[in-house]
Amino acid sequence: MKKLFELEVPEVYSGIVESRPSLAKQDNVLKLLYLHQEGVDAVGSCIGQRGTRIQTVISELSGEKIDIIQWDDDAIKFIPQALSPAK
């Protein structure tokens, strides 16, 4: 999956946005994490305009669900994002 994102997202390919290891795979939803670097919207760049970038990756993975989450070293901020939209 990392290679698919490198092909589709120039910010990942160039290293502006760095992929982190997957958090979990449950209920057919893969949690994919990205590290934000100054001045770049990591989540927005992976999704693309109108979702074009993420839809291409999802299509290549036969419809696999992907959640893109902003990485944060502060667990108090990160964990709620990783669990979202779960309550």
PDB file of N, CA and C in Angstrom:
ATOM      1  N   MET A   1       0.827  -1.183   0.000  1.00  0.00           N
ATOM      2  CA  MET A   1       0.000   0.000   0.000  1.00  0.00           C
ATOM      3  C   MET A   1       0.877   1.255   0.000  1.00  0.00           C
ATOM      4  N   LYS A   2       1.999   1.193   0.684  1.00  0.00           N
ATOM      5  CA  LYS A   2       2.893   2.349   0.708  1.00  0.00           C
ATOM      6  C   LYS A   2       3.324   2.721  -0.707  1.00  0.00           C
ATOM      7  N   LYS A   3       3.624   1.736  -1.531  1.00  0.00           N
ATOM      8  CA  LYS A   3       4.040   1.994  -2.914  1.00  0.00           C
ATOM      9  C   LYS A   3       2.910   2.620  -3.722  1.00  0.00           C
ATOM     10  N   LEU A   4       1.673   2.197  -3.493  1.00  0.00           N
ATOM     11  CA  LEU A   4       0.533   2.798  -4.186  1.00  0.00           C
ATOM     12  C   LEU A   4       0.420   4.282  -3.846  1.00  0.00           C
ATOM     13  N   PHE A   5       0.589   4.613  -2.570  1.00  0.00           N
ATOM     14  CA  PHE A   5       0.535   6.015  -2.177  1.00  0.00           C
ATOM     15  C   PHE A   5       1.702   6.802  -2.765  1.00  0.00           C
ATOM     16  N   GLU A   6       2.863   6.181  -2.871  1.00  0.00           N
ATOM     17  CA  GLU A   6       4.003   6.862  -3.486  1.00  0.00           C
ATOM     18  C   GLU A   6       3.725   7.162  -4.960  1.00  0.00           C
ATOM     19  N   LEU A   7       3.027   6.257  -5.637  1.00  0.00           N
ATOM     20  CA  LEU A   7       2.691   6.467  -7.048  1.00  0.00           C
ATOM     21  C   LEU A   7       1.622   7.536  -7.239  1.00  0.00           C
ATOM     22  N   GLU A   8       0.677   7.618  -6.323  1.00  0.00           N
ATOM     23  CA  GLU A   8      -0.470   8.515  -6.476  1.00  0.00           C
ATOM     24  C   GLU A   8      -0.288   9.884  -5.844  1.00  0.00           C
ATOM     25  N   VAL A   9       0.541   9.972  -4.799  1.00  0.00           N
ATOM     26  CA  VAL A   9       0.650  11.215  -4.026  1.00  0.00           C
ATOM     27  C   VAL A   9       2.092  11.737  -4.124  1.00  0.00           C
ATOM     28  N   PRO A  10       2.299  12.799  -4.894  1.00  0.00           N
ATOM     29  CA  PRO A  10       3.652  13.334  -5.049  1.00  0.00           C
ATOM     30  C   PRO A  10       4.309  13.725  -3.722  1.00  0.00           C
ATOM     31  N   GLU A  11       3.510  14.170  -2.754  1.00  0.00           N
ATOM     32  CA  GLU A  11       4.056  14.554  -1.453  1.00  0.00           C
ATOM     33  C   GLU A  11       4.620  13.352  -0.698  1.00  0.00           C
ATOM     34  N   VAL A  12       4.039  12.189  -0.905  1.00  0.00           N
ATOM     35  CA  VAL A  12       4.569  10.966  -0.283  1.00  0.00           C
ATOM     36  C   VAL A  12       5.836  10.535  -1.022  1.00  0.00           C
ATOM     37  N   TYR A  13       5.784  10.561  -2.337  1.00  0.00           N
ATOM     38  CA  TYR A  13       6.940  10.166  -3.147  1.00  0.00           C
ATOM     39  C   TYR A  13       8.166  11.023  -2.829  1.00  0.00           C
ATOM     40  N   SER A  14       7.959  12.333  -2.670  1.00  0.00           N
ATOM     41  CA  SER A  14       9.084  13.234  -2.435  1.00  0.00           C
ATOM     42  C   SER A  14       9.530  13.273  -0.973  1.00  0.00           C
ATOM     43  N   GLY A  15       8.749  12.685  -0.070  1.00  0.00           N
ATOM     44  CA  GLY A  15       9.114  12.656   1.338  1.00  0.00           C
ATOM     45  C   GLY A  15       8.574  13.820   2.153  1.00  0.00           C
ATOM     46  N   ILE A  16       7.799  14.705   1.530  1.00  0.00           N
ATOM     47  CA  ILE A  16       7.186  15.813   2.271  1.00  0.00           C
ATOM     48  C   ILE A  16       6.204  15.266   3.300  1.00  0.00           C
ATOM     49  N   VAL A  17       5.468  14.241   2.906  1.00  0.00           N
ATOM     50  CA  VAL A  17       4.556  13.534   3.805  1.00  0.00           C
ATOM     51  C   VAL A  17       5.114  12.125   3.960  1.00  0.00           C
ATOM     52  N   GLU A  18       5.324  11.713   5.200  1.00  0.00           N
ATOM     53  CA  GLU A  18       5.948  10.423   5.480  1.00  0.00           C
ATOM     54  C   GLU A  18       4.904   9.443   5.986  1.00  0.00           C
ATOM     55  N   SER A  19       4.858   8.259   5.412  1.00  0.00           N
ATOM     56  CA  SER A  19       3.910   7.265   5.897  1.00  0.00           C
ATOM     57  C   SER A  19       4.477   6.607   7.139  1.00  0.00           C
ATOM     58  N   ARG A  20       3.599   6.288   8.043  1.00  0.00           N
ATOM     59  CA  ARG A  20       3.958   5.577   9.263  1.00  0.00           C
ATOM     60  C   ARG A  20       3.339   4.190   9.190  1.00  0.00           C
ATOM     61  N   PRO A  21       3.828   3.263   9.994  1.00  0.00           N
ATOM     62  CA  PRO A  21       3.260   1.907   9.969  1.00  0.00           C
ATOM     63  C   PRO A  21       1.765   1.907  10.275  1.00  0.00           C
ATOM     64  N   SER A  22       1.067   0.941   9.718  1.00  0.00           N
ATOM     65  CA  SER A  22      -0.370   0.817   9.967  1.00  0.00           C
ATOM     66  C   SER A  22      -0.619   0.540  11.434  1.00  0.00           C
ATOM     67  N   LEU A  23      -1.687   1.116  11.946  1.00  0.00           N
ATOM     68  CA  LEU A  23      -2.034   0.957  13.345  1.00  0.00           C
ATOM     69  C   LEU A  23      -2.760  -0.363  13.591  1.00  0.00           C
ATOM     70  N   ALA A  24      -3.762  -0.659  12.797  1.00  0.00           N
ATOM     71  CA  ALA A  24      -4.560  -1.856  13.026  1.00  0.00           C
ATOM     72  C   ALA A  24      -5.359  -2.183  11.786  1.00  0.00           C
ATOM     73  N   LYS A  25      -5.790  -3.412  11.722  1.00  0.00           N
ATOM     74  CA  LYS A  25      -6.713  -3.800  10.661  1.00  0.00           C
ATOM     75  C   LYS A  25      -7.860  -4.564  11.314  1.00  0.00           C
ATOM     76  N   GLN A  26      -8.989  -3.890  11.423  1.00  0.00           N
ATOM     77  CA  GLN A  26     -10.162  -4.485  12.036  1.00  0.00           C
ATOM     78  C   GLN A  26     -11.374  -4.146  11.181  1.00  0.00           C
ATOM     79  N   ASP A  27     -12.279  -5.061  11.083  1.00  0.00           N
ATOM     80  CA  ASP A  27     -13.525  -4.834  10.354  1.00  0.00           C
ATOM     81  C   ASP A  27     -13.276  -4.304   8.944  1.00  0.00           C
ATOM     82  N   ASN A  28     -12.226  -4.816   8.303  1.00  0.00           N
ATOM     83  CA  ASN A  28     -11.915  -4.459   6.916  1.00  0.00           C
ATOM     84  C   ASN A  28     -11.601  -2.974   6.742  1.00  0.00           C
ATOM     85  N   VAL A  29     -11.152  -2.309   7.810  1.00  0.00           N
ATOM     86  CA  VAL A  29     -10.732  -0.904   7.725  1.00  0.00           C
ATOM     87  C   VAL A  29      -9.261  -0.830   8.107  1.00  0.00           C
ATOM     88  N   LEU A  30      -8.439  -0.335   7.202  1.00  0.00           N
ATOM     89  CA  LEU A  30      -7.016  -0.218   7.461  1.00  0.00           C
ATOM     90  C   LEU A  30      -6.706   1.194   7.915  1.00  0.00           C
ATOM     91  N   LYS A  31      -6.073   1.331   9.056  1.00  0.00           N
ATOM     92  CA  LYS A  31      -5.685   2.645   9.571  1.00  0.00           C
ATOM     93  C   LYS A  31      -4.308   2.973   9.011  1.00  0.00           C
ATOM     94  N   LEU A  32      -4.206   4.065   8.294  1.00  0.00           N
ATOM     95  CA  LEU A  32      -2.961   4.475   7.672  1.00  0.00           C
ATOM     96  C   LEU A  32      -2.571   5.833   8.223  1.00  0.00           C
ATOM     97  N   LEU A  33      -1.353   5.978   8.699  1.00  0.00           N
ATOM     98  CA  LEU A  33      -0.940   7.188   9.399  1.00  0.00           C
ATOM     99  C   LEU A  33       0.043   7.993   8.573  1.00  0.00           C
ATOM    100  N   TYR A  34      -0.049   9.309   8.680  1.00  0.00           N
ATOM    101  CA  TYR A  34       0.873  10.195   7.961  1.00  0.00           C
ATOM    102  C   TYR A  34       1.409  11.266   8.886  1.00  0.00           C
ATOM    103  N   LEU A  35       2.673  11.543   8.741  1.00  0.00           N
ATOM    104  CA  LEU A  35       3.331  12.582   9.519  1.00  0.00           C
ATOM    105  C   LEU A  35       3.232  13.897   8.765  1.00  0.00           C
ATOM    106  N   HIS A  36       2.739  14.922   9.414  1.00  0.00           N
ATOM    107  CA  HIS A  36       2.574  16.245   8.807  1.00  0.00           C
ATOM    108  C   HIS A  36       3.867  17.032   8.934  1.00  0.00           C
ATOM    109  N   GLN A  37       4.346  17.580   7.851  1.00  0.00           N
ATOM    110  CA  GLN A  37       5.498  18.472   7.896  1.00  0.00           C
ATOM    111  C   GLN A  37       5.004  19.885   7.660  1.00  0.00           C
ATOM    112  N   GLU A  38       5.714  20.854   8.164  1.00  0.00           N
ATOM    113  CA  GLU A  38       5.301  22.257   8.121  1.00  0.00           C
ATOM    114  C   GLU A  38       4.745  22.708   6.773  1.00  0.00           C
ATOM    115  N   GLY A  39       3.588  23.356   6.822  1.00  0.00           N
ATOM    116  CA  GLY A  39       3.013  23.971   5.636  1.00  0.00           C
ATOM    117  C   GLY A  39       2.308  23.037   4.672  1.00  0.00           C
ATOM    118  N   VAL A  40       2.174  21.765   5.016  1.00  0.00           N
ATOM    119  CA  VAL A  40       1.536  20.802   4.115  1.00  0.00           C
ATOM    120  C   VAL A  40       0.374  20.137   4.850  1.00  0.00           C
ATOM    121  N   ASP A  41      -0.755  20.041   4.183  1.00  0.00           N
ATOM    122  CA  ASP A  41      -1.900  19.315   4.728  1.00  0.00           C
ATOM    123  C   ASP A  41      -1.730  17.856   4.321  1.00  0.00           C
ATOM    124  N   ALA A  42      -1.201  17.050   5.225  1.00  0.00           N
ATOM    125  CA  ALA A  42      -0.886  15.652   4.913  1.00  0.00           C
ATOM    126  C   ALA A  42      -2.132  14.857   4.519  1.00  0.00           C
ATOM    127  N   VAL A  43      -3.197  15.019   5.276  1.00  0.00           N
ATOM    128  CA  VAL A  43      -4.429  14.274   4.990  1.00  0.00           C
ATOM    129  C   VAL A  43      -5.010  14.730   3.654  1.00  0.00           C
ATOM    130  N   GLY A  44      -5.101  16.035   3.451  1.00  0.00           N
ATOM    131  CA  GLY A  44      -5.639  16.568   2.196  1.00  0.00           C
ATOM    132  C   GLY A  44      -4.837  16.151   0.985  1.00  0.00           C
ATOM    133  N   SER A  45      -3.518  16.118   1.108  1.00  0.00           N
ATOM    134  CA  SER A  45      -2.704  15.724  -0.043  1.00  0.00           C
ATOM    135  C   SER A  45      -2.890  14.251  -0.370  1.00  0.00           C
ATOM    136  N   CYS A  46      -3.148  13.420   0.622  1.00  0.00           N
ATOM    137  CA  CYS A  46      -3.366  11.990   0.358  1.00  0.00           C
ATOM    138  C   CYS A  46      -4.750  11.725  -0.222  1.00  0.00           C
ATOM    139  N   ILE A  47      -5.714  12.546   0.143  1.00  0.00           N
ATOM    140  CA  ILE A  47      -7.071  12.376  -0.374  1.00  0.00           C
ATOM    141  C   ILE A  47      -7.181  12.950  -1.779  1.00  0.00           C
ATOM    142  N   GLY A  48      -6.606  14.121  -2.001  1.00  0.00           N
ATOM    143  CA  GLY A  48      -6.657  14.760  -3.317  1.00  0.00           C
ATOM    144  C   GLY A  48      -7.959  15.497  -3.537  1.00  0.00           C
ATOM    145  N   GLN A  49      -7.999  16.274  -4.619  1.00  0.00           N
ATOM    146  CA  GLN A  49      -9.216  17.016  -4.945  1.00  0.00           C
ATOM    147  C   GLN A  49     -10.345  16.052  -5.245  1.00  0.00           C
ATOM    148  N   ARG A  50     -11.456  16.273  -4.558  1.00  0.00           N
ATOM    149  CA  ARG A  50     -12.653  15.433  -4.707  1.00  0.00           C
ATOM    150  C   ARG A  50     -12.361  13.954  -4.461  1.00  0.00           C
ATOM    151  N   GLY A  51     -11.312  13.646  -3.699  1.00  0.00           N
ATOM    152  CA  GLY A  51     -11.005  12.264  -3.345  1.00  0.00           C
ATOM    153  C   GLY A  51     -10.358  11.446  -4.441  1.00  0.00           C
ATOM    154  N   THR A  52      -9.828  12.102  -5.462  1.00  0.00           N
ATOM    155  CA  THR A  52      -9.290  11.357  -6.608  1.00  0.00           C
ATOM    156  C   THR A  52      -8.103  10.480  -6.252  1.00  0.00           C
ATOM    157  N   ARG A  53      -7.191  10.971  -5.435  1.00  0.00           N
ATOM    158  CA  ARG A  53      -5.994  10.178  -5.105  1.00  0.00           C
ATOM    159  C   ARG A  53      -6.352   8.953  -4.273  1.00  0.00           C
ATOM    160  N   ILE A  54      -7.143   9.153  -3.233  1.00  0.00           N
ATOM    161  CA  ILE A  54      -7.497   8.031  -2.366  1.00  0.00           C
ATOM    162  C   ILE A  54      -8.381   7.022  -3.098  1.00  0.00           C
ATOM    163  N   GLN A  55      -9.261   7.492  -3.987  1.00  0.00           N
ATOM    164  CA  GLN A  55     -10.124   6.574  -4.725  1.00  0.00           C
ATOM    165  C   GLN A  55      -9.310   5.661  -5.644  1.00  0.00           C
ATOM    166  N   THR A  56      -8.239   6.194  -6.219  1.00  0.00           N
ATOM    167  CA  THR A  56      -7.379   5.365  -7.064  1.00  0.00           C
ATOM    168  C   THR A  56      -6.733   4.258  -6.249  1.00  0.00           C
ATOM    169  N   VAL A  57      -6.243   4.587  -5.058  1.00  0.00           N
ATOM    170  CA  VAL A  57      -5.624   3.589  -4.187  1.00  0.00           C
ATOM    171  C   VAL A  57      -6.660   2.562  -3.741  1.00  0.00           C
ATOM    172  N   ILE A  58      -7.839   3.022  -3.349  1.00  0.00           N
ATOM    173  CA  ILE A  58      -8.909   2.115  -2.921  1.00  0.00           C
ATOM    174  C   ILE A  58      -9.289   1.163  -4.050  1.00  0.00           C
ATOM    175  N   SER A  59      -9.372   1.671  -5.271  1.00  0.00           N
ATOM    176  CA  SER A  59      -9.699   0.824  -6.420  1.00  0.00           C
ATOM    177  C   SER A  59      -8.648  -0.265  -6.621  1.00  0.00           C
ATOM    178  N   GLU A  60      -7.380   0.105  -6.477  1.00  0.00           N
ATOM    179  CA  GLU A  60      -6.300  -0.867  -6.629  1.00  0.00           C
ATOM    180  C   GLU A  60      -6.340  -1.940  -5.538  1.00  0.00           C
ATOM    181  N   LEU A  61      -6.910  -1.603  -4.395  1.00  0.00           N
ATOM    182  CA  LEU A  61      -7.001  -2.545  -3.276  1.00  0.00           C
ATOM    183  C   LEU A  61      -8.366  -3.218  -3.212  1.00  0.00           C
ATOM    184  N   SER A  62      -9.066  -3.226  -4.323  1.00  0.00           N
ATOM    185  CA  SER A  62     -10.375  -3.891  -4.441  1.00  0.00           C
ATOM    186  C   SER A  62     -11.387  -3.389  -3.417  1.00  0.00           C
ATOM    187  N   GLY A  63     -11.418  -2.080  -3.208  1.00  0.00           N
ATOM    188  CA  GLY A  63     -12.427  -1.495  -2.335  1.00  0.00           C
ATOM    189  C   GLY A  63     -12.084  -1.480  -0.863  1.00  0.00           C
ATOM    190  N   GLU A  64     -10.857  -1.830  -0.506  1.00  0.00           N
ATOM    191  CA  GLU A  64     -10.429  -1.804   0.903  1.00  0.00           C
ATOM    192  C   GLU A  64     -10.664  -0.417   1.497  1.00  0.00           C
ATOM    193  N   LYS A  65     -11.230  -0.366   2.693  1.00  0.00           N
ATOM    194  CA  LYS A  65     -11.468   0.910   3.371  1.00  0.00           C
ATOM    195  C   LYS A  65     -10.152   1.416   3.952  1.00  0.00           C
ATOM    196  N   ILE A  66      -9.917   2.726   3.829  1.00  0.00           N
ATOM    197  CA  ILE A  66      -8.688   3.331   4.335  1.00  0.00           C
ATOM    198  C   ILE A  66      -9.041   4.589   5.103  1.00  0.00           C
ATOM    199  N   ASP A  67      -8.555   4.688   6.326  1.00  0.00           N
ATOM    200  CA  ASP A  67      -8.678   5.898   7.121  1.00  0.00           C
ATOM    201  C   ASP A  67      -7.307   6.563   7.149  1.00  0.00           C
ATOM    202  N   ILE A  68      -7.234   7.830   6.810  1.00  0.00           N
ATOM    203  CA  ILE A  68      -5.981   8.567   6.859  1.00  0.00           C
ATOM    204  C   ILE A  68      -6.025   9.459   8.087  1.00  0.00           C
ATOM    205  N   ILE A  69      -5.046   9.286   8.958  1.00  0.00           N
ATOM    206  CA  ILE A  69      -5.050   9.952  10.255  1.00  0.00           C
ATOM    207  C   ILE A  69      -3.787  10.785  10.404  1.00  0.00           C
ATOM    208  N   GLN A  70      -3.954  11.987  10.918  1.00  0.00           N
ATOM    209  CA  GLN A  70      -2.822  12.865  11.201  1.00  0.00           C
ATOM    210  C   GLN A  70      -2.027  12.309  12.373  1.00  0.00           C
ATOM    211  N   TRP A  71      -0.729  12.056  12.174  1.00  0.00           N
ATOM    212  CA  TRP A  71       0.123  11.555  13.244  1.00  0.00           C
ATOM    213  C   TRP A  71       0.382  12.657  14.261  1.00  0.00           C
ATOM    214  N   ASP A  72       0.389  12.278  15.538  1.00  0.00           N
ATOM    215  CA  ASP A  72       0.742  13.207  16.606  1.00  0.00           C
ATOM    216  C   ASP A  72       1.471  12.414  17.675  1.00  0.00           C
ATOM    217  N   ASP A  73       2.639  12.879  18.078  1.00  0.00           N
ATOM    218  CA  ASP A  73       3.402  12.183  19.123  1.00  0.00           C
ATOM    219  C   ASP A  73       2.702  12.238  20.474  1.00  0.00           C
ATOM    220  N   ASP A  74       1.793  13.184  20.655  1.00  0.00           N
ATOM    221  CA  ASP A  74       1.024  13.311  21.882  1.00  0.00           C
ATOM    222  C   ASP A  74      -0.140  12.319  21.833  1.00  0.00           C
ATOM    223  N   ALA A  75      -0.053  11.273  22.650  1.00  0.00           N
ATOM    224  CA  ALA A  75      -1.064  10.208  22.644  1.00  0.00           C
ATOM    225  C   ALA A  75      -2.458  10.734  22.961  1.00  0.00           C
ATOM    226  N   ILE A  76      -2.547  11.764  23.782  1.00  0.00           N
ATOM    227  CA  ILE A  76      -3.857  12.317  24.142  1.00  0.00           C
ATOM    228  C   ILE A  76      -4.546  12.914  22.920  1.00  0.00           C
ATOM    229  N   LYS A  77      -3.798  13.464  21.995  1.00  0.00           N
ATOM    230  CA  LYS A  77      -4.372  13.998  20.761  1.00  0.00           C
ATOM    231  C   LYS A  77      -4.533  12.910  19.703  1.00  0.00           C
ATOM    232  N   PHE A  78      -3.577  12.000  19.657  1.00  0.00           N
ATOM    233  CA  PHE A  78      -3.556  11.007  18.591  1.00  0.00           C
ATOM    234  C   PHE A  78      -4.625   9.921  18.737  1.00  0.00           C
ATOM    235  N   ILE A  79      -4.791   9.379  19.921  1.00  0.00           N
ATOM    236  CA  ILE A  79      -5.704   8.246  20.126  1.00  0.00           C
ATOM    237  C   ILE A  79      -7.141   8.561  19.724  1.00  0.00           C
ATOM    238  N   PRO A  80      -7.710   9.717  20.112  1.00  0.00           N
ATOM    239  CA  PRO A  80      -9.076  10.011  19.655  1.00  0.00           C
ATOM    240  C   PRO A  80      -9.184  10.082  18.120  1.00  0.00           C
ATOM    241  N   GLN A  81      -8.143  10.606  17.450  1.00  0.00           N
ATOM    242  CA  GLN A  81      -8.160  10.648  15.986  1.00  0.00           C
ATOM    243  C   GLN A  81      -8.127   9.230  15.405  1.00  0.00           C
ATOM    244  N   ALA A  82      -7.314   8.372  16.003  1.00  0.00           N
ATOM    245  CA  ALA A  82      -7.182   6.997  15.508  1.00  0.00           C
ATOM    246  C   ALA A  82      -8.469   6.207  15.697  1.00  0.00           C
ATOM    247  N   LEU A  83      -9.198   6.511  16.735  1.00  0.00           N
ATOM    248  CA  LEU A  83     -10.441   5.787  17.004  1.00  0.00           C
ATOM    249  C   LEU A  83     -11.655   6.375  16.299  1.00  0.00           C
ATOM    250  N   SER A  84     -11.525   7.593  15.792  1.00  0.00           N
ATOM    251  CA  SER A  84     -12.626   8.262  15.130  1.00  0.00           C
ATOM    252  C   SER A  84     -13.047   7.472  13.897  1.00  0.00           C
ATOM    253  N   PRO A  85     -14.295   7.345  13.609  1.00  0.00           N
ATOM    254  CA  PRO A  85     -15.475   7.963  14.201  1.00  0.00           C
ATOM    255  C   PRO A  85     -16.093   7.165  15.339  1.00  0.00           C
ATOM    256  N   ALA A  86     -15.420   6.134  15.828  1.00  0.00           N
ATOM    257  CA  ALA A  86     -15.969   5.348  16.931  1.00  0.00           C
ATOM    258  C   ALA A  86     -16.161   6.204  18.168  1.00  0.00           C
ATOM    259  N   LYS A  87     -17.134   5.884  18.950  1.00  0.00           N
ATOM    260  CA  LYS A  87     -17.389   6.635  20.202  1.00  0.00           C
ATOM    261  C   LYS A  87     -16.978   5.802  21.394  1.00  0.00           C
TER     262      LYS A  87
END
